[in-house]
Amino acid sequence: KAIAERIALLEAQSREAAQAKSGLER
């Protein structure tokens, strides 16, 4: 249960990081 919650959080952080990187490259 704790692992699933952590993975969900990490996936959200990964998307945010990707969006931030995409915004900087425009």
mmCIF file of all heavy atoms, coordinates in Angstrom:
data_MODEL
# 
_entry.id   MODEL 
# 
loop_
_atom_site.group_PDB 
_atom_site.id 
_atom_site.type_symbol 
_atom_site.label_atom_id 
_atom_site.label_alt_id 
_atom_site.label_comp_id 
_atom_site.label_asym_id 
_atom_site.label_entity_id 
_atom_site.label_seq_id 
_atom_site.pdbx_PDB_ins_code 
_atom_site.Cartn_x 
_atom_site.Cartn_y 
_atom_site.Cartn_z 
_atom_site.occupancy 
_atom_site.B_iso_or_equiv 
_atom_site.pdbx_formal_charge 
_atom_site.auth_seq_id 
_atom_site.auth_comp_id 
_atom_site.auth_asym_id 
_atom_site.auth_atom_id 
_atom_site.pdbx_PDB_model_num 
ATOM 1   N N   . LYS A 1 1  ? 0.827  -1.204 0.000   1.00 0.00 ? 1  LYS A N   1 
ATOM 2   C CA  . LYS A 1 1  ? 0.000  0.000  0.000   1.00 0.00 ? 1  LYS A CA  1 
ATOM 3   C C   . LYS A 1 1  ? 0.863  1.256  0.000   1.00 0.00 ? 1  LYS A C   1 
ATOM 4   O O   . LYS A 1 1  ? 0.627  2.197  -0.786  1.00 0.00 ? 1  LYS A O   1 
ATOM 5   C CB  . LYS A 1 1  ? -0.939 -0.001 1.201   1.00 0.00 ? 1  LYS A CB  1 
ATOM 6   C CG  . LYS A 1 1  ? -1.867 1.207  1.244   1.00 0.00 ? 1  LYS A CG  1 
ATOM 7   C CD  . LYS A 1 1  ? -2.789 1.173  2.456   1.00 0.00 ? 1  LYS A CD  1 
ATOM 8   C CE  . LYS A 1 1  ? -3.675 2.419  2.485   1.00 0.00 ? 1  LYS A CE  1 
ATOM 9   N NZ  . LYS A 1 1  ? -4.569 2.432  3.685   1.00 0.00 ? 1  LYS A NZ  1 
ATOM 10  N N   . ALA A 1 2  ? 1.864  1.267  0.878   1.00 0.00 ? 2  ALA A N   1 
ATOM 11  C CA  . ALA A 1 2  ? 2.763  2.430  0.956   1.00 0.00 ? 2  ALA A CA  1 
ATOM 12  C C   . ALA A 1 2  ? 3.533  2.591  -0.347  1.00 0.00 ? 2  ALA A C   1 
ATOM 13  O O   . ALA A 1 2  ? 3.757  3.717  -0.827  1.00 0.00 ? 2  ALA A O   1 
ATOM 14  C CB  . ALA A 1 2  ? 3.723  2.271  2.130   1.00 0.00 ? 2  ALA A CB  1 
ATOM 15  N N   . ILE A 1 3  ? 3.930  1.478  -0.953  1.00 0.00 ? 3  ILE A N   1 
ATOM 16  C CA  . ILE A 1 3  ? 4.676  1.529  -2.211  1.00 0.00 ? 3  ILE A CA  1 
ATOM 17  C C   . ILE A 1 3  ? 3.811  2.105  -3.333  1.00 0.00 ? 3  ILE A C   1 
ATOM 18  O O   . ILE A 1 3  ? 4.276  2.951  -4.124  1.00 0.00 ? 3  ILE A O   1 
ATOM 19  C CB  . ILE A 1 3  ? 5.191  0.125  -2.577  1.00 0.00 ? 3  ILE A CB  1 
ATOM 20  C CG1 . ILE A 1 3  ? 6.315  -0.270 -1.625  1.00 0.00 ? 3  ILE A CG1 1 
ATOM 21  C CG2 . ILE A 1 3  ? 5.665  0.071  -4.025  1.00 0.00 ? 3  ILE A CG2 1 
ATOM 22  C CD1 . ILE A 1 3  ? 6.729  -1.716 -1.731  1.00 0.00 ? 3  ILE A CD1 1 
ATOM 23  N N   . ALA A 1 4  ? 2.560  1.670  -3.397  1.00 0.00 ? 4  ALA A N   1 
ATOM 24  C CA  . ALA A 1 4  ? 1.655  2.185  -4.433  1.00 0.00 ? 4  ALA A CA  1 
ATOM 25  C C   . ALA A 1 4  ? 1.483  3.692  -4.294  1.00 0.00 ? 4  ALA A C   1 
ATOM 26  O O   . ALA A 1 4  ? 1.469  4.431  -5.301  1.00 0.00 ? 4  ALA A O   1 
ATOM 27  C CB  . ALA A 1 4  ? 0.301  1.481  -4.332  1.00 0.00 ? 4  ALA A CB  1 
ATOM 28  N N   . GLU A 1 5  ? 1.368  4.165  -3.076  1.00 0.00 ? 5  GLU A N   1 
ATOM 29  C CA  . GLU A 1 5  ? 1.217  5.605  -2.847  1.00 0.00 ? 5  GLU A CA  1 
ATOM 30  C C   . GLU A 1 5  ? 2.476  6.349  -3.271  1.00 0.00 ? 5  GLU A C   1 
ATOM 31  O O   . GLU A 1 5  ? 2.402  7.430  -3.879  1.00 0.00 ? 5  GLU A O   1 
ATOM 32  C CB  . GLU A 1 5  ? 0.908  5.867  -1.376  1.00 0.00 ? 5  GLU A CB  1 
ATOM 33  C CG  . GLU A 1 5  ? -0.474 5.373  -0.944  1.00 0.00 ? 5  GLU A CG  1 
ATOM 34  C CD  . GLU A 1 5  ? -0.696 5.487  0.560   1.00 0.00 ? 5  GLU A CD  1 
ATOM 35  O OE1 . GLU A 1 5  ? 0.284  5.842  1.270   1.00 0.00 ? 5  GLU A OE1 1 
ATOM 36  O OE2 . GLU A 1 5  ? -1.820 5.223  1.019   1.00 0.00 ? 5  GLU A OE2 1 
ATOM 37  N N   . ARG A 1 6  ? 3.640  5.784  -2.955  1.00 0.00 ? 6  ARG A N   1 
ATOM 38  C CA  . ARG A 1 6  ? 4.903  6.426  -3.336  1.00 0.00 ? 6  ARG A CA  1 
ATOM 39  C C   . ARG A 1 6  ? 5.061  6.456  -4.857  1.00 0.00 ? 6  ARG A C   1 
ATOM 40  O O   . ARG A 1 6  ? 5.514  7.452  -5.424  1.00 0.00 ? 6  ARG A O   1 
ATOM 41  C CB  . ARG A 1 6  ? 6.084  5.673  -2.711  1.00 0.00 ? 6  ARG A CB  1 
ATOM 42  C CG  . ARG A 1 6  ? 6.299  5.960  -1.239  1.00 0.00 ? 6  ARG A CG  1 
ATOM 43  C CD  . ARG A 1 6  ? 7.707  5.590  -0.849  1.00 0.00 ? 6  ARG A CD  1 
ATOM 44  N NE  . ARG A 1 6  ? 7.964  5.825  0.564   1.00 0.00 ? 6  ARG A NE  1 
ATOM 45  C CZ  . ARG A 1 6  ? 9.163  6.034  1.085   1.00 0.00 ? 6  ARG A CZ  1 
ATOM 46  N NH1 . ARG A 1 6  ? 10.222 6.042  0.282   1.00 0.00 ? 6  ARG A NH1 1 
ATOM 47  N NH2 . ARG A 1 6  ? 9.325  6.231  2.366   1.00 0.00 ? 6  ARG A NH2 1 
ATOM 48  N N   . ILE A 1 7  ? 4.725  5.357  -5.497  1.00 0.00 ? 7  ILE A N   1 
ATOM 49  C CA  . ILE A 1 7  ? 4.846  5.300  -6.956  1.00 0.00 ? 7  ILE A CA  1 
ATOM 50  C C   . ILE A 1 7  ? 3.940  6.335  -7.615  1.00 0.00 ? 7  ILE A C   1 
ATOM 51  O O   . ILE A 1 7  ? 4.350  7.028  -8.565  1.00 0.00 ? 7  ILE A O   1 
ATOM 52  C CB  . ILE A 1 7  ? 4.546  3.876  -7.460  1.00 0.00 ? 7  ILE A CB  1 
ATOM 53  C CG1 . ILE A 1 7  ? 5.694  2.937  -7.081  1.00 0.00 ? 7  ILE A CG1 1 
ATOM 54  C CG2 . ILE A 1 7  ? 4.332  3.867  -8.977  1.00 0.00 ? 7  ILE A CG2 1 
ATOM 55  C CD1 . ILE A 1 7  ? 5.445  1.476  -7.413  1.00 0.00 ? 7  ILE A CD1 1 
ATOM 56  N N   . ALA A 1 8  ? 2.712  6.459  -7.099  1.00 0.00 ? 8  ALA A N   1 
ATOM 57  C CA  . ALA A 1 8  ? 1.786  7.457  -7.649  1.00 0.00 ? 8  ALA A CA  1 
ATOM 58  C C   . ALA A 1 8  ? 2.366  8.856  -7.498  1.00 0.00 ? 8  ALA A C   1 
ATOM 59  O O   . ALA A 1 8  ? 2.277  9.688  -8.421  1.00 0.00 ? 8  ALA A O   1 
ATOM 60  C CB  . ALA A 1 8  ? 0.437  7.353  -6.948  1.00 0.00 ? 8  ALA A CB  1 
ATOM 61  N N   . LEU A 1 9  ? 2.963  9.125  -6.361  1.00 0.00 ? 9  LEU A N   1 
ATOM 62  C CA  . LEU A 1 9  ? 3.580  10.432 -6.122  1.00 0.00 ? 9  LEU A CA  1 
ATOM 63  C C   . LEU A 1 9  ? 4.760  10.651 -7.063  1.00 0.00 ? 9  LEU A C   1 
ATOM 64  O O   . LEU A 1 9  ? 4.916  11.745 -7.637  1.00 0.00 ? 9  LEU A O   1 
ATOM 65  C CB  . LEU A 1 9  ? 4.027  10.535 -4.660  1.00 0.00 ? 9  LEU A CB  1 
ATOM 66  C CG  . LEU A 1 9  ? 4.696  11.847 -4.232  1.00 0.00 ? 9  LEU A CG  1 
ATOM 67  C CD1 . LEU A 1 9  ? 3.743  13.033 -4.431  1.00 0.00 ? 9  LEU A CD1 1 
ATOM 68  C CD2 . LEU A 1 9  ? 5.151  11.772 -2.780  1.00 0.00 ? 9  LEU A CD2 1 
ATOM 69  N N   . LEU A 1 10 ? 5.575  9.624  -7.238  1.00 0.00 ? 10 LEU A N   1 
ATOM 70  C CA  . LEU A 1 10 ? 6.735  9.739  -8.135  1.00 0.00 ? 10 LEU A CA  1 
ATOM 71  C C   . LEU A 1 10 ? 6.316  9.946  -9.587  1.00 0.00 ? 10 LEU A C   1 
ATOM 72  O O   . LEU A 1 10 ? 6.945  10.726 -10.313 1.00 0.00 ? 10 LEU A O   1 
ATOM 73  C CB  . LEU A 1 10 ? 7.606  8.481  -8.012  1.00 0.00 ? 10 LEU A CB  1 
ATOM 74  C CG  . LEU A 1 10 ? 8.404  8.341  -6.718  1.00 0.00 ? 10 LEU A CG  1 
ATOM 75  C CD1 . LEU A 1 10 ? 9.015  6.949  -6.627  1.00 0.00 ? 10 LEU A CD1 1 
ATOM 76  C CD2 . LEU A 1 10 ? 9.485  9.416  -6.634  1.00 0.00 ? 10 LEU A CD2 1 
ATOM 77  N N   . GLU A 1 11 ? 5.261  9.274  -10.009 1.00 0.00 ? 11 GLU A N   1 
ATOM 78  C CA  . GLU A 1 11 ? 4.766  9.450  -11.370 1.00 0.00 ? 11 GLU A CA  1 
ATOM 79  C C   . GLU A 1 11 ? 4.267  10.882 -11.575 1.00 0.00 ? 11 GLU A C   1 
ATOM 80  O O   . GLU A 1 11 ? 4.521  11.477 -12.639 1.00 0.00 ? 11 GLU A O   1 
ATOM 81  C CB  . GLU A 1 11 ? 3.647  8.440  -11.654 1.00 0.00 ? 11 GLU A CB  1 
ATOM 82  C CG  . GLU A 1 11 ? 4.164  7.014  -11.807 1.00 0.00 ? 11 GLU A CG  1 
ATOM 83  C CD  . GLU A 1 11 ? 3.052  5.981  -11.926 1.00 0.00 ? 11 GLU A CD  1 
ATOM 84  O OE1 . GLU A 1 11 ? 1.904  6.293  -11.511 1.00 0.00 ? 11 GLU A OE1 1 
ATOM 85  O OE2 . GLU A 1 11 ? 3.314  4.867  -12.423 1.00 0.00 ? 11 GLU A OE2 1 
ATOM 86  N N   . ALA A 1 12 ? 3.617  11.439 -10.564 1.00 0.00 ? 12 ALA A N   1 
ATOM 87  C CA  . ALA A 1 12 ? 3.164  12.828 -10.653 1.00 0.00 ? 12 ALA A CA  1 
ATOM 88  C C   . ALA A 1 12 ? 4.357  13.778 -10.727 1.00 0.00 ? 12 ALA A C   1 
ATOM 89  O O   . ALA A 1 12 ? 4.366  14.734 -11.519 1.00 0.00 ? 12 ALA A O   1 
ATOM 90  C CB  . ALA A 1 12 ? 2.274  13.160 -9.456  1.00 0.00 ? 12 ALA A CB  1 
ATOM 91  N N   . GLN A 1 13 ? 5.378  13.515 -9.908  1.00 0.00 ? 13 GLN A N   1 
ATOM 92  C CA  . GLN A 1 13 ? 6.581  14.359 -9.919  1.00 0.00 ? 13 GLN A CA  1 
ATOM 93  C C   . GLN A 1 13 ? 7.302  14.239 -11.263 1.00 0.00 ? 13 GLN A C   1 
ATOM 94  O O   . GLN A 1 13 ? 7.835  15.227 -11.778 1.00 0.00 ? 13 GLN A O   1 
ATOM 95  C CB  . GLN A 1 13 ? 7.513  13.943 -8.773  1.00 0.00 ? 13 GLN A CB  1 
ATOM 96  C CG  . GLN A 1 13 ? 6.989  14.301 -7.389  1.00 0.00 ? 13 GLN A CG  1 
ATOM 97  C CD  . GLN A 1 13 ? 7.894  13.760 -6.280  1.00 0.00 ? 13 GLN A CD  1 
ATOM 98  O OE1 . GLN A 1 13 ? 8.683  12.840 -6.499  1.00 0.00 ? 13 GLN A OE1 1 
ATOM 99  N NE2 . GLN A 1 13 ? 7.761  14.331 -5.090  1.00 0.00 ? 13 GLN A NE2 1 
ATOM 100 N N   . SER A 1 14 ? 7.292  13.042 -11.825 1.00 0.00 ? 14 SER A N   1 
ATOM 101 C CA  . SER A 1 14 ? 7.943  12.831 -13.124 1.00 0.00 ? 14 SER A CA  1 
ATOM 102 C C   . SER A 1 14 ? 7.248  13.649 -14.210 1.00 0.00 ? 14 SER A C   1 
ATOM 103 O O   . SER A 1 14 ? 7.902  14.280 -15.054 1.00 0.00 ? 14 SER A O   1 
ATOM 104 C CB  . SER A 1 14 ? 7.929  11.340 -13.471 1.00 0.00 ? 14 SER A CB  1 
ATOM 105 O OG  . SER A 1 14 ? 8.509  11.124 -14.739 1.00 0.00 ? 14 SER A OG  1 
ATOM 106 N N   . ARG A 1 15 ? 5.907  13.639 -14.199 1.00 0.00 ? 15 ARG A N   1 
ATOM 107 C CA  . ARG A 1 15 ? 5.151  14.426 -15.197 1.00 0.00 ? 15 ARG A CA  1 
ATOM 108 C C   . ARG A 1 15 ? 5.413  15.916 -15.030 1.00 0.00 ? 15 ARG A C   1 
ATOM 109 O O   . ARG A 1 15 ? 5.613  16.634 -16.012 1.00 0.00 ? 15 ARG A O   1 
ATOM 110 C CB  . ARG A 1 15 ? 3.658  14.120 -15.059 1.00 0.00 ? 15 ARG A CB  1 
ATOM 111 C CG  . ARG A 1 15 ? 3.259  12.724 -15.547 1.00 0.00 ? 15 ARG A CG  1 
ATOM 112 C CD  . ARG A 1 15 ? 1.748  12.601 -15.670 1.00 0.00 ? 15 ARG A CD  1 
ATOM 113 N NE  . ARG A 1 15 ? 1.076  12.746 -14.378 1.00 0.00 ? 15 ARG A NE  1 
ATOM 114 C CZ  . ARG A 1 15 ? 0.829  11.728 -13.550 1.00 0.00 ? 15 ARG A CZ  1 
ATOM 115 N NH1 . ARG A 1 15 ? 1.224  10.495 -13.858 1.00 0.00 ? 15 ARG A NH1 1 
ATOM 116 N NH2 . ARG A 1 15 ? 0.188  11.939 -12.412 1.00 0.00 ? 15 ARG A NH2 1 
ATOM 117 N N   . GLU A 1 16 ? 5.428  16.367 -13.785 1.00 0.00 ? 16 GLU A N   1 
ATOM 118 C CA  . GLU A 1 16 ? 5.678  17.793 -13.528 1.00 0.00 ? 16 GLU A CA  1 
ATOM 119 C C   . GLU A 1 16 ? 7.070  18.181 -14.014 1.00 0.00 ? 16 GLU A C   1 
ATOM 120 O O   . GLU A 1 16 ? 7.254  19.258 -14.600 1.00 0.00 ? 16 GLU A O   1 
ATOM 121 C CB  . GLU A 1 16 ? 5.544  18.071 -12.033 1.00 0.00 ? 16 GLU A CB  1 
ATOM 122 C CG  . GLU A 1 16 ? 4.115  17.988 -11.503 1.00 0.00 ? 16 GLU A CG  1 
ATOM 123 C CD  . GLU A 1 16 ? 4.051  18.089 -9.988  1.00 0.00 ? 16 GLU A CD  1 
ATOM 124 O OE1 . GLU A 1 16 ? 5.125  18.320 -9.370  1.00 0.00 ? 16 GLU A OE1 1 
ATOM 125 O OE2 . GLU A 1 16 ? 2.959  17.931 -9.419  1.00 0.00 ? 16 GLU A OE2 1 
ATOM 126 N N   . ALA A 1 17 ? 8.037  17.313 -13.751 1.00 0.00 ? 17 ALA A N   1 
ATOM 127 C CA  . ALA A 1 17 ? 9.406  17.609 -14.192 1.00 0.00 ? 17 ALA A CA  1 
ATOM 128 C C   . ALA A 1 17 ? 9.494  17.655 -15.704 1.00 0.00 ? 17 ALA A C   1 
ATOM 129 O O   . ALA A 1 17 ? 10.170 18.520 -16.293 1.00 0.00 ? 17 ALA A O   1 
ATOM 130 C CB  . ALA A 1 17 ? 10.375 16.569 -13.629 1.00 0.00 ? 17 ALA A CB  1 
ATOM 131 N N   . ALA A 1 18 ? 8.791  16.725 -16.370 1.00 0.00 ? 18 ALA A N   1 
ATOM 132 C CA  . ALA A 1 18 ? 8.788  16.699 -17.843 1.00 0.00 ? 18 ALA A CA  1 
ATOM 133 C C   . ALA A 1 18 ? 8.135  17.943 -18.406 1.00 0.00 ? 18 ALA A C   1 
ATOM 134 O O   . ALA A 1 18 ? 8.620  18.532 -19.396 1.00 0.00 ? 18 ALA A O   1 
ATOM 135 C CB  . ALA A 1 18 ? 8.062  15.447 -18.324 1.00 0.00 ? 18 ALA A CB  1 
ATOM 136 N N   . GLN A 1 19 ? 7.022  18.366 -17.803 1.00 0.00 ? 19 GLN A N   1 
ATOM 137 C CA  . GLN A 1 19 ? 6.349  19.582 -18.260 1.00 0.00 ? 19 GLN A CA  1 
ATOM 138 C C   . GLN A 1 19 ? 7.205  20.805 -18.085 1.00 0.00 ? 19 GLN A C   1 
ATOM 139 O O   . GLN A 1 19 ? 7.281  21.683 -18.926 1.00 0.00 ? 19 GLN A O   1 
ATOM 140 C CB  . GLN A 1 19 ? 5.030  19.729 -17.506 1.00 0.00 ? 19 GLN A CB  1 
ATOM 141 C CG  . GLN A 1 19 ? 3.959  18.705 -17.883 1.00 0.00 ? 19 GLN A CG  1 
ATOM 142 C CD  . GLN A 1 19 ? 2.755  18.727 -16.974 1.00 0.00 ? 19 GLN A CD  1 
ATOM 143 O OE1 . GLN A 1 19 ? 2.701  19.521 -16.037 1.00 0.00 ? 19 GLN A OE1 1 
ATOM 144 N NE2 . GLN A 1 19 ? 1.777  17.851 -17.250 1.00 0.00 ? 19 GLN A NE2 1 
ATOM 145 N N   . ALA A 1 20 ? 7.914  20.849 -16.915 1.00 0.00 ? 20 ALA A N   1 
ATOM 146 C CA  . ALA A 1 20 ? 8.777  21.996 -16.645 1.00 0.00 ? 20 ALA A CA  1 
ATOM 147 C C   . ALA A 1 20 ? 9.917  22.054 -17.671 1.00 0.00 ? 20 ALA A C   1 
ATOM 148 O O   . ALA A 1 20 ? 10.292 23.115 -18.172 1.00 0.00 ? 20 ALA A O   1 
ATOM 149 C CB  . ALA A 1 20 ? 9.333  21.902 -15.230 1.00 0.00 ? 20 ALA A CB  1 
ATOM 150 N N   . LYS A 1 21 ? 10.478 20.884 -17.975 1.00 0.00 ? 21 LYS A N   1 
ATOM 151 C CA  . LYS A 1 21 ? 11.571 20.813 -18.945 1.00 0.00 ? 21 LYS A CA  1 
ATOM 152 C C   . LYS A 1 21 ? 11.077 21.209 -20.330 1.00 0.00 ? 21 LYS A C   1 
ATOM 153 O O   . LYS A 1 21 ? 11.760 21.940 -21.068 1.00 0.00 ? 21 LYS A O   1 
ATOM 154 C CB  . LYS A 1 21 ? 12.121 19.387 -18.983 1.00 0.00 ? 21 LYS A CB  1 
ATOM 155 C CG  . LYS A 1 21 ? 13.311 19.222 -19.907 1.00 0.00 ? 21 LYS A CG  1 
ATOM 156 C CD  . LYS A 1 21 ? 13.831 17.801 -19.879 1.00 0.00 ? 21 LYS A CD  1 
ATOM 157 C CE  . LYS A 1 21 ? 14.993 17.637 -20.845 1.00 0.00 ? 21 LYS A CE  1 
ATOM 158 N NZ  . LYS A 1 21 ? 15.522 16.257 -20.845 1.00 0.00 ? 21 LYS A NZ  1 
ATOM 159 N N   . SER A 1 22 ? 9.864  20.763 -20.678 1.00 0.00 ? 22 SER A N   1 
ATOM 160 C CA  . SER A 1 22 ? 9.281  21.104 -22.000 1.00 0.00 ? 22 SER A CA  1 
ATOM 161 C C   . SER A 1 22 ? 9.052  22.589 -22.097 1.00 0.00 ? 22 SER A C   1 
ATOM 162 O O   . SER A 1 22 ? 9.289  23.212 -23.152 1.00 0.00 ? 22 SER A O   1 
ATOM 163 C CB  . SER A 1 22 ? 7.967  20.344 -22.188 1.00 0.00 ? 22 SER A CB  1 
ATOM 164 O OG  . SER A 1 22 ? 7.340  20.718 -23.385 1.00 0.00 ? 22 SER A OG  1 
ATOM 165 N N   . GLY A 1 23 ? 8.601  23.211 -21.008 1.00 0.00 ? 23 GLY A N   1 
ATOM 166 C CA  . GLY A 1 23 ? 8.344  24.640 -21.011 1.00 0.00 ? 23 GLY A CA  1 
ATOM 167 C C   . GLY A 1 23 ? 9.624  25.431 -21.194 1.00 0.00 ? 23 GLY A C   1 
ATOM 168 O O   . GLY A 1 23 ? 9.647  26.481 -21.860 1.00 0.00 ? 23 GLY A O   1 
ATOM 169 N N   . LEU A 1 24 ? 10.730 24.938 -20.610 1.00 0.00 ? 24 LEU A N   1 
ATOM 170 C CA  . LEU A 1 24 ? 12.011 25.637 -20.731 1.00 0.00 ? 24 LEU A CA  1 
ATOM 171 C C   . LEU A 1 24 ? 12.562 25.517 -22.144 1.00 0.00 ? 24 LEU A C   1 
ATOM 172 O O   . LEU A 1 24 ? 13.300 26.391 -22.606 1.00 0.00 ? 24 LEU A O   1 
ATOM 173 C CB  . LEU A 1 24 ? 13.033 25.034 -19.729 1.00 0.00 ? 24 LEU A CB  1 
ATOM 174 C CG  . LEU A 1 24 ? 12.775 25.369 -18.258 1.00 0.00 ? 24 LEU A CG  1 
ATOM 175 C CD1 . LEU A 1 24 ? 13.741 24.583 -17.366 1.00 0.00 ? 24 LEU A CD1 1 
ATOM 176 C CD2 . LEU A 1 24 ? 12.934 26.869 -17.992 1.00 0.00 ? 24 LEU A CD2 1 
ATOM 177 N N   . GLU A 1 25 ? 12.237 24.429 -22.819 1.00 0.00 ? 25 GLU A N   1 
ATOM 178 C CA  . GLU A 1 25 ? 12.801 24.218 -24.166 1.00 0.00 ? 25 GLU A CA  1 
ATOM 179 C C   . GLU A 1 25 ? 12.048 24.994 -25.240 1.00 0.00 ? 25 GLU A C   1 
ATOM 180 O O   . GLU A 1 25 ? 12.511 25.086 -26.384 1.00 0.00 ? 25 GLU A O   1 
ATOM 181 C CB  . GLU A 1 25 ? 12.744 22.710 -24.475 1.00 0.00 ? 25 GLU A CB  1 
ATOM 182 C CG  . GLU A 1 25 ? 13.759 21.908 -23.648 1.00 0.00 ? 25 GLU A CG  1 
ATOM 183 C CD  . GLU A 1 25 ? 13.613 20.423 -23.875 1.00 0.00 ? 25 GLU A CD  1 
ATOM 184 O OE1 . GLU A 1 25 ? 12.627 20.018 -24.546 1.00 0.00 ? 25 GLU A OE1 1 
ATOM 185 O OE2 . GLU A 1 25 ? 14.481 19.661 -23.394 1.00 0.00 ? 25 GLU A OE2 1 
ATOM 186 N N   . ARG A 1 26 ? 10.873 25.497 -24.947 1.00 0.00 ? 26 ARG A N   1 
ATOM 187 C CA  . ARG A 1 26 ? 10.094 26.258 -25.960 1.00 0.00 ? 26 ARG A CA  1 
ATOM 188 C C   . ARG A 1 26 ? 10.680 27.648 -26.175 1.00 0.00 ? 26 ARG A C   1 
ATOM 189 O O   . ARG A 1 26 ? 11.240 28.265 -25.294 1.00 0.00 ? 26 ARG A O   1 
ATOM 190 C CB  . ARG A 1 26 ? 8.650  26.383 -25.517 1.00 0.00 ? 26 ARG A CB  1 
ATOM 191 C CG  . ARG A 1 26 ? 7.901  25.054 -25.604 1.00 0.00 ? 26 ARG A CG  1 
ATOM 192 C CD  . ARG A 1 26 ? 6.500  25.192 -25.098 1.00 0.00 ? 26 ARG A CD  1 
ATOM 193 N NE  . ARG A 1 26 ? 5.810  23.901 -25.110 1.00 0.00 ? 26 ARG A NE  1 
ATOM 194 C CZ  . ARG A 1 26 ? 4.594  23.711 -24.628 1.00 0.00 ? 26 ARG A CZ  1 
ATOM 195 N NH1 . ARG A 1 26 ? 3.919  24.725 -24.086 1.00 0.00 ? 26 ARG A NH1 1 
ATOM 196 N NH2 . ARG A 1 26 ? 4.049  22.508 -24.653 1.00 0.00 ? 26 ARG A NH2 1 
# 
